[in-house]
Amino acid sequence: MSDRPVVTRIAPSPTGAMHIGTARTALFNWLYARHTGGKFLLRIEDTDRERSTQAAVQVIFDGLAWLGLEADETPVFQAARADRHKLAADEMLARGSAYRDYMTPDELEVERALARAEGRVVRSPWRDASPNDAPDRPFVVRLKCPLEGETLIDDQVKGLVRFQNRDLDDLILLRTDGTPTYNLAVVVDDHEMGVTHVIRGDDHLNNAARQTLIYQGLGWTPPVWAHLPLIHGPDGTKLSKRHGAQAVSEFSDMGYLPEAMRNYLTKLGWGHGDDEIFSDRQAIDWFDIKDVVSAPARLDWAKLNHLNNHYLRLADPARLAKLVADVHKSRDWPLHDDHIAVLERVIPHVRDGAKTTLELADATVFALKRRPLELPEKARDLLSEETRGRLGRLREVLAAAPAWDVSALEALNRQFAESEGVGLGKIGPALRAALSGGSPAPDLAGALVALGKDESLGRLDDALSLGG
């Protein structure tokens, strides 16, 4: 298969939210395809017709789109290919690699009990029966698994894995109603989509043995297998609701950026030396599926928050302003037409300390308040007669400021305090309260620049009038 261009795929079932494990699997498939100059494909495994709603399918599309993982071809829907799956089963019957099993439900229960007692897998008495003896009753089509020897999986992550054929049952390929089962459908679809590398969670490792036998039963070459370790919670146990977010949409709602998630998920089970932060281009250049470790990865919220803060500090303020505005809208904050411009101006001054866009929204509240601000009692207590006088004189100095930027205002505030014969600690708390109305705000110069000159002076005037 080394002569063929690499084709990877992600094949989620639309039966609920997109799990973070599915997202990482999609990312690794995408990275490997991009690394090798191959293709990354999407297949929707929608054979569960009751649960596979259009809304559930859209969840997958939205999750991949948010992560920035675009497939190279139109998505394939598995349910639409049921007739092709049946033809493959017919071909296996003709080749002798599958057989019709006419056991009734009662007969199957007896065989299961006997197999358990004898410590073996279920084997149907119809396995080697003549077609001429077939009764006129419903049947399933089963894989005719070899009884001796081994099925070998040369896994890119797990290494060489051996399965004893005697321990592999004759799995059902077609049910009594003629519908295909998962393993048959996956093999046929992967083969006809040209998939060369199946990269998926290691909960599918046992399926790899059965699917290899189906490939062989159809005379096809199996793909290269790579089974990824699961993602565990911080305590080392299987990721669950008690560990917090599990779905891609939850991470989006919690204020994480997609580029931070890509960087973080890439590090869950793969690494490039000591590099913790890297671009998509670097990840594509460096990534190789053979470098994925076989041990489970652990979700580390501190590392994710650190990465997200890094990407918040790099992001375009205009983009962040829209994201933060969405957060405020979800909280029913009364946004006005000019608020996007305000957010763009304030975000560069408050994002260094924010881990998520939710925290960024919290840090921008002070700038969105409408005048006159309602000062809390603690803030009003700061406005003593002496402080009001000092703020009044500072207000005049600020009004005459020739430049309105952080460095200029830091120098101006410091010089003013020196002229008053006091430290900034005698001025800062009251000035901050006047500017922010008691909400969290950046340093004084940052708050003044974020608000702009006119708004800053107006808020000072309002606070001074309250004190009088």
Protein backbone atom coordinates (compact mmCIF):
# COMPACT_ATOMS: atom_id res chain seq x y z
CA MET A 1 0.00 0.00 0.00
CA SER A 2 3.09 2.24 0.17
CA ASP A 3 2.74 3.14 -3.51
CA ARG A 4 -0.78 4.53 -3.04
CA PRO A 5 -1.54 8.08 -1.90
CA VAL A 6 -2.66 8.14 1.72
CA VAL A 7 -6.41 8.35 2.29
CA THR A 8 -7.72 8.67 5.84
CA ARG A 9 -11.25 9.06 7.10
CA ILE A 10 -13.33 9.88 10.13
CA ALA A 11 -16.55 7.91 10.41
CA PRO A 12 -18.71 9.14 13.30
CA SER A 13 -22.24 7.96 14.06
CA PRO A 14 -24.76 10.82 14.33
CA THR A 15 -26.23 9.67 17.60
CA GLY A 16 -25.41 12.57 19.92
CA ALA A 17 -22.76 15.17 20.66
CA MET A 18 -19.32 14.90 19.09
CA HIS A 19 -17.05 13.55 21.83
CA ILE A 20 -13.60 15.02 22.36
CA GLY A 21 -12.15 11.57 21.59
CA THR A 22 -13.84 11.62 18.17
CA ALA A 23 -12.49 15.12 17.65
CA ARG A 24 -8.93 14.01 18.38
CA THR A 25 -9.34 11.01 16.05
CA ALA A 26 -10.54 13.35 13.31
CA LEU A 27 -7.60 15.67 13.97
CA PHE A 28 -5.03 12.85 13.76
CA ASN A 29 -6.57 11.61 10.51
CA TRP A 30 -6.53 15.16 9.12
CA LEU A 31 -2.94 15.76 10.20
CA TYR A 32 -1.66 12.50 8.73
CA ALA A 33 -3.43 13.13 5.43
CA ARG A 34 -2.01 16.64 5.27
CA HIS A 35 1.46 15.44 6.33
CA THR A 36 1.60 12.89 3.52
CA GLY A 37 -0.13 14.99 0.88
CA GLY A 38 -3.10 12.62 0.89
CA LYS A 39 -6.85 12.98 1.40
CA PHE A 40 -9.00 13.29 4.51
CA LEU A 41 -12.56 11.97 4.05
CA LEU A 42 -15.76 12.00 6.08
CA ARG A 43 -18.31 9.20 6.30
CA ILE A 44 -21.50 9.47 8.33
CA GLU A 45 -22.37 6.05 9.75
CA ASP A 46 -26.11 6.65 9.91
CA THR A 47 -27.43 3.11 9.85
CA ASP A 48 -29.25 3.64 13.16
CA ARG A 49 -32.18 5.34 11.45
CA GLU A 50 -34.07 6.20 14.64
CA ARG A 51 -31.21 8.15 16.21
CA SER A 52 -29.57 9.44 13.03
CA THR A 53 -31.51 12.65 12.61
CA GLN A 54 -30.53 15.57 10.43
CA ALA A 55 -29.93 17.58 13.59
CA ALA A 56 -27.51 14.93 14.83
CA VAL A 57 -25.69 14.95 11.48
CA GLN A 58 -25.42 18.73 11.69
CA VAL A 59 -23.74 18.39 15.09
CA ILE A 60 -20.93 16.48 13.37
CA PHE A 61 -20.63 19.03 10.56
CA ASP A 62 -20.62 21.90 13.05
CA GLY A 63 -18.03 20.24 15.29
CA LEU A 64 -15.62 19.55 12.44
CA ALA A 65 -16.18 23.03 11.00
CA TRP A 66 -15.45 24.65 14.39
CA LEU A 67 -12.24 22.64 14.68
CA GLY A 68 -11.26 23.66 11.15
CA LEU A 69 -11.09 20.08 9.86
CA GLU A 70 -12.50 20.20 6.36
CA ALA A 71 -12.93 16.96 4.40
CA ASP A 72 -11.50 16.82 0.88
CA GLU A 73 -14.58 15.26 -0.71
CA THR A 74 -18.35 15.25 -0.26
CA PRO A 75 -19.37 13.23 2.82
CA VAL A 76 -20.50 9.64 2.31
CA PHE A 77 -23.67 8.46 4.07
CA GLN A 78 -23.45 4.80 5.00
CA ALA A 79 -27.19 4.08 5.06
CA ALA A 80 -27.47 5.01 1.39
CA ARG A 81 -25.03 2.20 0.50
CA ALA A 82 -26.96 -0.74 2.02
CA ASP A 83 -27.51 -2.38 -1.38
CA ARG A 84 -23.77 -2.37 -2.06
CA HIS A 85 -23.13 -3.97 1.32
CA LYS A 86 -25.58 -6.77 0.47
CA LEU A 87 -23.81 -7.38 -2.83
CA ALA A 88 -20.54 -7.80 -0.95
CA ALA A 89 -22.15 -10.42 1.29
CA ASP A 90 -23.41 -12.23 -1.80
CA GLU A 91 -19.89 -12.17 -3.21
CA MET A 92 -18.54 -13.69 -0.01
CA LEU A 93 -21.17 -16.43 -0.20
CA ALA A 94 -20.08 -17.18 -3.76
CA ARG A 95 -16.42 -17.26 -2.70
CA GLY A 96 -17.15 -19.58 0.22
CA SER A 97 -15.94 -17.05 2.81
CA ALA A 98 -19.46 -16.64 4.24
CA TYR A 99 -22.44 -18.93 4.78
CA ARG A 100 -26.17 -18.82 5.48
CA ASP A 101 -27.08 -19.70 9.04
CA TYR A 102 -30.63 -20.98 9.56
CA MET A 103 -30.47 -21.45 13.33
CA THR A 104 -33.66 -20.34 15.05
CA PRO A 105 -33.42 -18.05 18.11
CA ASP A 106 -34.03 -21.05 20.39
CA GLU A 107 -31.35 -23.11 18.64
CA LEU A 108 -28.92 -20.20 18.91
CA GLU A 109 -29.50 -19.96 22.67
CA VAL A 110 -28.77 -23.69 23.05
CA GLU A 111 -25.55 -23.31 21.01
CA ARG A 112 -24.48 -20.29 23.08
CA ALA A 113 -24.97 -22.20 26.33
CA LEU A 114 -23.01 -25.16 24.96
CA ALA A 115 -20.20 -22.87 23.71
CA ARG A 116 -19.92 -21.24 27.13
CA ALA A 117 -19.76 -24.59 28.84
CA GLU A 118 -17.03 -25.79 26.46
CA GLY A 119 -15.07 -22.53 26.59
CA ARG A 120 -15.30 -21.78 22.89
CA VAL A 121 -17.02 -19.34 20.54
CA VAL A 122 -20.36 -20.04 18.87
CA ARG A 123 -20.16 -22.19 15.74
CA SER A 124 -23.30 -22.81 13.71
CA PRO A 125 -24.08 -26.35 12.48
CA TRP A 126 -24.92 -24.69 9.13
CA ARG A 127 -21.31 -23.61 8.66
CA ASP A 128 -20.43 -26.60 6.48
CA ALA A 129 -23.93 -27.73 5.49
CA SER A 130 -24.85 -28.23 1.86
CA PRO A 131 -26.98 -25.46 0.30
CA ASN A 132 -29.27 -28.26 -0.86
CA ASP A 133 -30.25 -28.87 2.76
CA ALA A 134 -31.35 -25.29 3.34
CA PRO A 135 -34.80 -25.00 4.97
CA ASP A 136 -37.41 -22.47 3.95
CA ARG A 137 -37.02 -20.06 6.88
CA PRO A 138 -35.19 -16.85 7.76
CA PHE A 139 -31.41 -16.86 7.89
CA VAL A 140 -28.46 -14.63 8.66
CA VAL A 141 -25.26 -14.49 6.65
CA ARG A 142 -22.16 -15.17 8.73
CA LEU A 143 -18.44 -14.79 8.10
CA LYS A 144 -16.75 -18.17 7.74
CA CYS A 145 -13.85 -17.54 10.07
CA PRO A 146 -10.79 -19.80 9.75
CA LEU A 147 -10.67 -22.37 12.55
CA GLU A 148 -6.88 -22.50 12.83
CA GLY A 149 -3.96 -20.12 12.67
CA GLU A 150 -3.73 -16.45 13.56
CA THR A 151 -4.94 -13.13 12.26
CA LEU A 152 -2.18 -10.57 12.62
CA ILE A 153 -2.71 -6.83 12.98
CA ASP A 154 0.45 -4.85 12.36
CA ASP A 155 -0.76 -1.78 14.17
CA GLN A 156 1.10 1.51 13.79
CA VAL A 157 0.47 2.40 17.44
CA LYS A 158 0.05 -0.93 19.24
CA GLY A 159 2.66 -2.90 17.32
CA LEU A 160 2.03 -6.48 16.20
CA VAL A 161 -1.19 -7.83 17.71
CA ARG A 162 -2.06 -11.53 17.35
CA PHE A 163 -5.57 -12.96 17.36
CA GLN A 164 -6.13 -16.70 17.50
CA ASN A 165 -8.70 -17.55 14.84
CA ARG A 166 -10.28 -20.20 17.06
CA ASP A 167 -11.27 -17.36 19.41
CA LEU A 168 -12.99 -15.30 16.69
CA ASP A 169 -16.66 -16.10 16.16
CA ASP A 170 -18.43 -16.29 12.81
CA LEU A 171 -19.83 -12.80 13.06
CA ILE A 172 -23.07 -11.87 11.35
CA LEU A 173 -22.69 -9.92 8.10
CA LEU A 174 -26.37 -9.68 7.13
CA ARG A 175 -29.28 -9.87 9.55
CA THR A 176 -32.44 -11.85 8.88
CA ASP A 177 -34.06 -8.75 7.36
CA GLY A 178 -31.16 -8.38 4.94
CA THR A 179 -29.65 -5.31 6.59
CA PRO A 180 -25.84 -5.23 6.86
CA THR A 181 -24.00 -5.16 10.18
CA TYR A 182 -21.38 -2.63 11.20
CA ASN A 183 -18.26 -4.64 10.38
CA LEU A 184 -19.34 -5.53 6.85
CA ALA A 185 -20.48 -1.99 6.05
CA VAL A 186 -17.24 -0.47 7.34
CA VAL A 187 -15.06 -2.77 5.25
CA VAL A 188 -17.00 -2.23 2.04
CA ASP A 189 -17.17 1.55 2.51
CA ASP A 190 -13.49 1.92 3.46
CA HIS A 191 -12.43 -0.18 0.47
CA GLU A 192 -14.57 1.69 -2.03
CA MET A 193 -13.60 5.09 -0.61
CA GLY A 194 -9.97 4.11 -1.17
CA VAL A 195 -9.05 4.38 2.51
CA THR A 196 -5.44 3.32 3.00
CA HIS A 197 -5.06 4.04 6.73
CA VAL A 198 -7.74 3.39 9.33
CA ILE A 199 -6.88 5.58 12.32
CA ARG A 200 -9.41 5.21 15.15
CA GLY A 201 -9.83 4.56 18.86
CA ASP A 202 -8.36 1.40 20.33
CA ASP A 203 -11.82 0.26 21.42
CA HIS A 204 -12.02 -0.90 17.78
CA LEU A 205 -8.88 -3.06 17.94
CA ASN A 206 -10.86 -6.32 18.17
CA ASN A 207 -12.90 -5.22 15.17
CA ALA A 208 -9.67 -4.91 13.19
CA ALA A 209 -9.20 -8.69 13.34
CA ARG A 210 -12.74 -9.40 12.16
CA GLN A 211 -12.57 -6.74 9.48
CA THR A 212 -9.26 -8.13 8.25
CA LEU A 213 -10.98 -11.48 7.72
CA ILE A 214 -13.77 -9.75 5.78
CA TYR A 215 -11.19 -8.02 3.59
CA GLN A 216 -9.55 -11.37 2.95
CA GLY A 217 -12.92 -13.00 2.33
CA LEU A 218 -13.57 -10.46 -0.44
CA GLY A 219 -10.08 -10.75 -1.90
CA TRP A 220 -9.18 -7.20 -0.91
CA THR A 221 -6.04 -5.81 0.75
CA PRO A 222 -6.66 -4.59 4.31
CA PRO A 223 -5.67 -1.01 5.17
CA VAL A 224 -2.89 0.05 7.50
CA TRP A 225 -4.27 -0.02 11.05
CA ALA A 226 -3.59 2.54 13.77
CA HIS A 227 -5.56 2.34 17.00
CA LEU A 228 -5.33 5.37 19.27
CA PRO A 229 -5.38 5.13 23.07
CA LEU A 230 -8.40 6.52 24.85
CA ILE A 231 -8.48 9.88 26.58
CA HIS A 232 -8.73 9.63 30.36
CA GLY A 233 -9.68 12.18 32.95
CA PRO A 234 -7.07 13.94 35.12
CA ASP A 235 -7.36 11.11 37.67
CA GLY A 236 -6.46 8.45 35.11
CA THR A 237 -9.93 6.94 34.81
CA LYS A 238 -12.06 6.85 31.68
CA LEU A 239 -13.30 10.30 30.73
CA SER A 240 -16.81 10.89 32.01
CA LYS A 241 -19.22 13.67 32.92
CA ARG A 242 -17.70 14.02 36.36
CA HIS A 243 -14.49 15.25 34.72
CA GLY A 244 -16.29 18.14 33.06
CA ALA A 245 -16.72 18.82 29.35
CA GLN A 246 -16.67 15.88 26.96
CA ALA A 247 -18.25 17.23 23.79
CA VAL A 248 -16.67 19.57 21.26
CA SER A 249 -19.62 21.94 21.58
CA GLU A 250 -19.05 22.19 25.33
CA PHE A 251 -15.47 23.33 24.84
CA SER A 252 -16.70 25.93 22.38
CA ASP A 253 -19.34 27.11 24.84
CA MET A 254 -16.73 27.28 27.60
CA GLY A 255 -14.75 29.82 25.61
CA TYR A 256 -11.91 27.82 24.09
CA LEU A 257 -10.57 28.75 20.66
CA PRO A 258 -10.39 26.10 17.93
CA GLU A 259 -6.68 26.69 17.31
CA ALA A 260 -6.01 26.10 21.00
CA MET A 261 -8.05 22.89 20.88
CA ARG A 262 -6.15 21.69 17.81
CA ASN A 263 -2.82 22.35 19.50
CA TYR A 264 -3.98 20.73 22.73
CA LEU A 265 -5.60 17.66 21.16
CA THR A 266 -2.53 17.06 19.00
CA LYS A 267 -0.49 16.81 22.19
CA LEU A 268 -2.84 14.19 23.67
CA GLY A 269 -0.88 11.10 22.75
CA TRP A 270 1.65 12.63 20.35
CA GLY A 271 4.55 14.98 20.76
CA HIS A 272 7.49 16.62 19.05
CA GLY A 273 10.34 16.86 21.53
CA ASP A 274 9.63 19.46 24.19
CA ASP A 275 7.43 21.60 21.94
CA GLU A 276 4.19 22.52 23.69
CA ILE A 277 2.98 25.30 21.42
CA PHE A 278 3.11 24.96 17.65
CA SER A 279 1.24 26.17 14.59
CA ASP A 280 -0.96 24.05 12.34
CA ARG A 281 1.80 24.18 9.73
CA GLN A 282 4.35 22.82 12.20
CA ALA A 283 1.95 20.10 13.35
CA ILE A 284 1.39 19.01 9.75
CA ASP A 285 5.13 18.99 9.02
CA TRP A 286 5.99 17.02 12.16
CA PHE A 287 3.08 14.62 12.60
CA ASP A 288 3.48 10.92 11.93
CA ILE A 289 1.01 8.33 13.13
CA LYS A 290 3.90 6.03 14.12
CA ASP A 291 4.89 8.56 16.80
CA VAL A 292 1.58 8.26 18.70
CA VAL A 293 2.15 6.64 22.09
CA SER A 294 0.16 3.59 23.11
CA ALA A 295 -0.62 4.71 26.67
CA PRO A 296 -3.87 6.58 27.37
CA ALA A 297 -3.64 10.37 27.39
CA ARG A 298 -4.94 12.46 30.30
CA LEU A 299 -7.06 15.57 29.97
CA ASP A 300 -5.17 18.40 31.68
CA TRP A 301 -7.27 21.52 32.19
CA ALA A 302 -4.30 23.63 33.33
CA LYS A 303 -2.42 22.94 30.09
CA LEU A 304 -5.51 23.62 27.99
CA ASN A 305 -6.08 26.92 29.79
CA HIS A 306 -2.44 27.89 29.29
CA LEU A 307 -2.67 27.18 25.57
CA ASN A 308 -5.96 29.01 25.21
CA ASN A 309 -4.52 32.07 26.93
CA HIS A 310 -1.61 31.97 24.47
CA TYR A 311 -3.94 31.94 21.47
CA LEU A 312 -6.20 34.61 22.96
CA ARG A 313 -3.17 36.89 23.15
CA LEU A 314 -2.38 36.19 19.48
CA ALA A 315 -5.90 36.48 18.09
CA ASP A 316 -7.20 39.43 16.09
CA PRO A 317 -9.10 41.76 18.47
CA ALA A 318 -11.88 42.15 15.89
CA ARG A 319 -12.45 38.38 15.89
CA LEU A 320 -12.37 38.22 19.68
CA ALA A 321 -14.79 41.15 19.90
CA LYS A 322 -17.40 39.15 17.98
CA LEU A 323 -16.85 36.08 20.18
CA VAL A 324 -17.06 38.14 23.37
CA ALA A 325 -20.16 39.92 22.08
CA ASP A 326 -21.79 36.49 21.62
CA VAL A 327 -20.97 35.68 25.23
CA HIS A 328 -22.55 38.92 26.41
CA LYS A 329 -25.65 38.26 24.31
CA SER A 330 -25.99 34.79 25.85
CA ARG A 331 -25.98 36.53 29.23
CA ASP A 332 -28.67 38.99 28.07
CA TRP A 333 -26.33 41.97 28.32
CA PRO A 334 -27.91 44.92 26.46
CA LEU A 335 -25.39 45.43 23.66
CA HIS A 336 -25.56 48.53 21.49
CA ASP A 337 -24.28 49.25 18.00
CA ASP A 338 -21.08 50.86 19.24
CA HIS A 339 -20.17 48.03 21.61
CA ILE A 340 -18.22 45.97 19.07
CA ALA A 341 -15.88 48.92 18.56
CA VAL A 342 -15.59 49.30 22.34
CA LEU A 343 -14.74 45.60 22.70
CA GLU A 344 -12.11 45.80 19.98
CA ARG A 345 -10.50 48.68 21.85
CA VAL A 346 -10.60 47.13 25.33
CA ILE A 347 -9.69 43.50 24.55
CA PRO A 348 -5.94 44.11 23.96
CA HIS A 349 -5.75 45.57 27.48
CA VAL A 350 -7.49 42.74 29.34
CA ARG A 351 -6.77 39.51 27.48
CA ASP A 352 -3.38 38.70 29.04
CA GLY A 353 -5.09 37.45 32.18
CA ALA A 354 -7.98 35.62 30.50
CA LYS A 355 -8.00 31.87 29.99
CA THR A 356 -11.25 31.75 27.97
CA THR A 357 -13.54 34.07 26.07
CA LEU A 358 -15.92 33.81 29.04
CA GLU A 359 -13.26 35.33 31.28
CA LEU A 360 -12.53 37.84 28.55
CA ALA A 361 -16.18 38.82 28.58
CA ASP A 362 -16.05 39.27 32.35
CA ALA A 363 -13.03 41.54 31.95
CA THR A 364 -14.78 43.77 29.40
CA VAL A 365 -17.96 44.48 31.36
CA PHE A 366 -16.57 47.71 32.83
CA ALA A 367 -16.17 49.22 29.36
CA LEU A 368 -19.73 48.39 28.26
CA LYS A 369 -21.47 50.15 31.13
CA ARG A 370 -23.58 53.16 30.29
CA ARG A 371 -23.16 56.50 32.03
CA PRO A 372 -23.79 57.53 34.66
CA LEU A 373 -22.28 54.50 36.38
CA GLU A 374 -23.80 53.27 39.62
CA LEU A 375 -20.95 53.13 42.10
CA PRO A 376 -21.23 50.46 44.81
CA GLU A 377 -21.05 51.63 48.40
CA LYS A 378 -17.44 50.49 48.76
CA ALA A 379 -16.48 52.67 45.78
CA ARG A 380 -18.41 55.66 47.14
CA ASP A 381 -16.56 55.33 50.44
CA LEU A 382 -13.30 55.97 48.58
CA LEU A 383 -14.48 59.42 47.49
CA SER A 384 -13.48 61.42 50.54
CA GLU A 385 -13.23 65.18 50.26
CA GLU A 386 -9.45 64.93 49.92
CA THR A 387 -9.69 62.26 47.24
CA ARG A 388 -12.33 64.18 45.31
CA GLY A 389 -10.06 67.18 45.21
CA ARG A 390 -7.16 65.11 44.02
CA LEU A 391 -9.28 63.38 41.33
CA GLY A 392 -10.55 66.77 40.20
CA ARG A 393 -7.00 68.00 39.68
CA LEU A 394 -6.07 64.75 37.91
CA ARG A 395 -9.09 65.17 35.67
CA GLU A 396 -7.73 68.50 34.46
CA VAL A 397 -4.30 67.00 33.84
CA LEU A 398 -5.87 64.15 31.86
CA ALA A 399 -7.99 66.54 29.84
CA ALA A 400 -4.82 68.35 28.75
CA ALA A 401 -2.90 65.13 27.97
CA PRO A 402 -1.21 65.52 24.56
CA ALA A 403 -1.18 61.72 23.95
CA TRP A 404 -3.67 59.04 24.97
CA ASP A 405 -1.74 55.78 25.02
CA VAL A 406 -0.62 53.45 27.78
CA SER A 407 2.97 54.60 28.13
CA ALA A 408 2.04 58.29 28.05
CA LEU A 409 -0.74 57.87 30.62
CA GLU A 410 1.41 55.73 32.92
CA ALA A 411 3.99 58.53 32.97
CA LEU A 412 1.30 61.17 33.45
CA ASN A 413 -0.28 59.34 36.42
CA ARG A 414 3.11 58.80 38.03
CA GLN A 415 4.11 62.44 37.56
CA PHE A 416 0.79 63.62 38.97
CA ALA A 417 1.18 61.50 42.09
CA GLU A 418 4.69 62.89 42.60
CA SER A 419 3.37 66.43 42.22
CA GLU A 420 0.77 65.66 44.90
CA GLY A 421 3.42 64.23 47.19
CA VAL A 422 1.65 60.84 47.45
CA GLY A 423 2.00 57.37 46.03
CA LEU A 424 -0.29 56.02 43.34
CA GLY A 425 -1.95 53.94 46.03
CA LYS A 426 -3.64 57.10 47.27
CA ILE A 427 -5.13 57.77 43.85
CA GLY A 428 -5.50 54.46 42.06
CA PRO A 429 -8.39 52.78 43.92
CA ALA A 430 -10.72 55.77 43.64
CA LEU A 431 -9.77 56.40 39.99
CA ARG A 432 -10.33 52.73 39.17
CA ALA A 433 -13.73 52.77 40.88
CA ALA A 434 -14.76 55.88 38.95
CA LEU A 435 -13.70 54.34 35.65
CA SER A 436 -15.08 50.82 36.18
CA GLY A 437 -18.06 51.25 38.49
CA GLY A 438 -16.64 48.53 40.71
CA SER A 439 -16.21 45.93 37.95
CA PRO A 440 -12.86 44.24 37.24
CA ALA A 441 -10.67 46.41 35.03
CA PRO A 442 -7.08 46.48 33.77
CA ASP A 443 -4.36 48.73 35.15
CA LEU A 444 -5.21 52.42 35.26
CA ALA A 445 -3.53 53.44 32.03
CA GLY A 446 -5.02 50.42 30.24
CA ALA A 447 -8.49 51.27 31.51
CA LEU A 448 -8.16 54.89 30.38
CA VAL A 449 -7.02 53.87 26.89
CA ALA A 450 -9.68 51.17 26.63
CA LEU A 451 -12.43 53.63 27.49
CA GLY A 452 -11.09 56.45 25.38
CA LYS A 453 -10.50 60.03 26.45
CA ASP A 454 -14.05 61.38 26.29
CA GLU A 455 -15.60 58.40 28.12
CA SER A 456 -12.89 58.43 30.78
CA LEU A 457 -13.33 62.12 31.51
CA GLY A 458 -17.11 61.74 31.52
CA ARG A 459 -16.95 58.90 34.05
CA LEU A 460 -14.65 60.94 36.25
CA ASP A 461 -17.10 63.86 36.10
CA ASP A 462 -19.97 61.56 37.06
CA ALA A 463 -18.07 60.15 40.03
CA LEU A 464 -17.04 63.62 41.24
CA SER A 465 -20.61 64.86 41.07
CA LEU A 466 -21.73 61.91 43.20
CA GLY A 467 -19.19 62.85 45.84
CA GLY A 468 -20.30 66.43 46.07
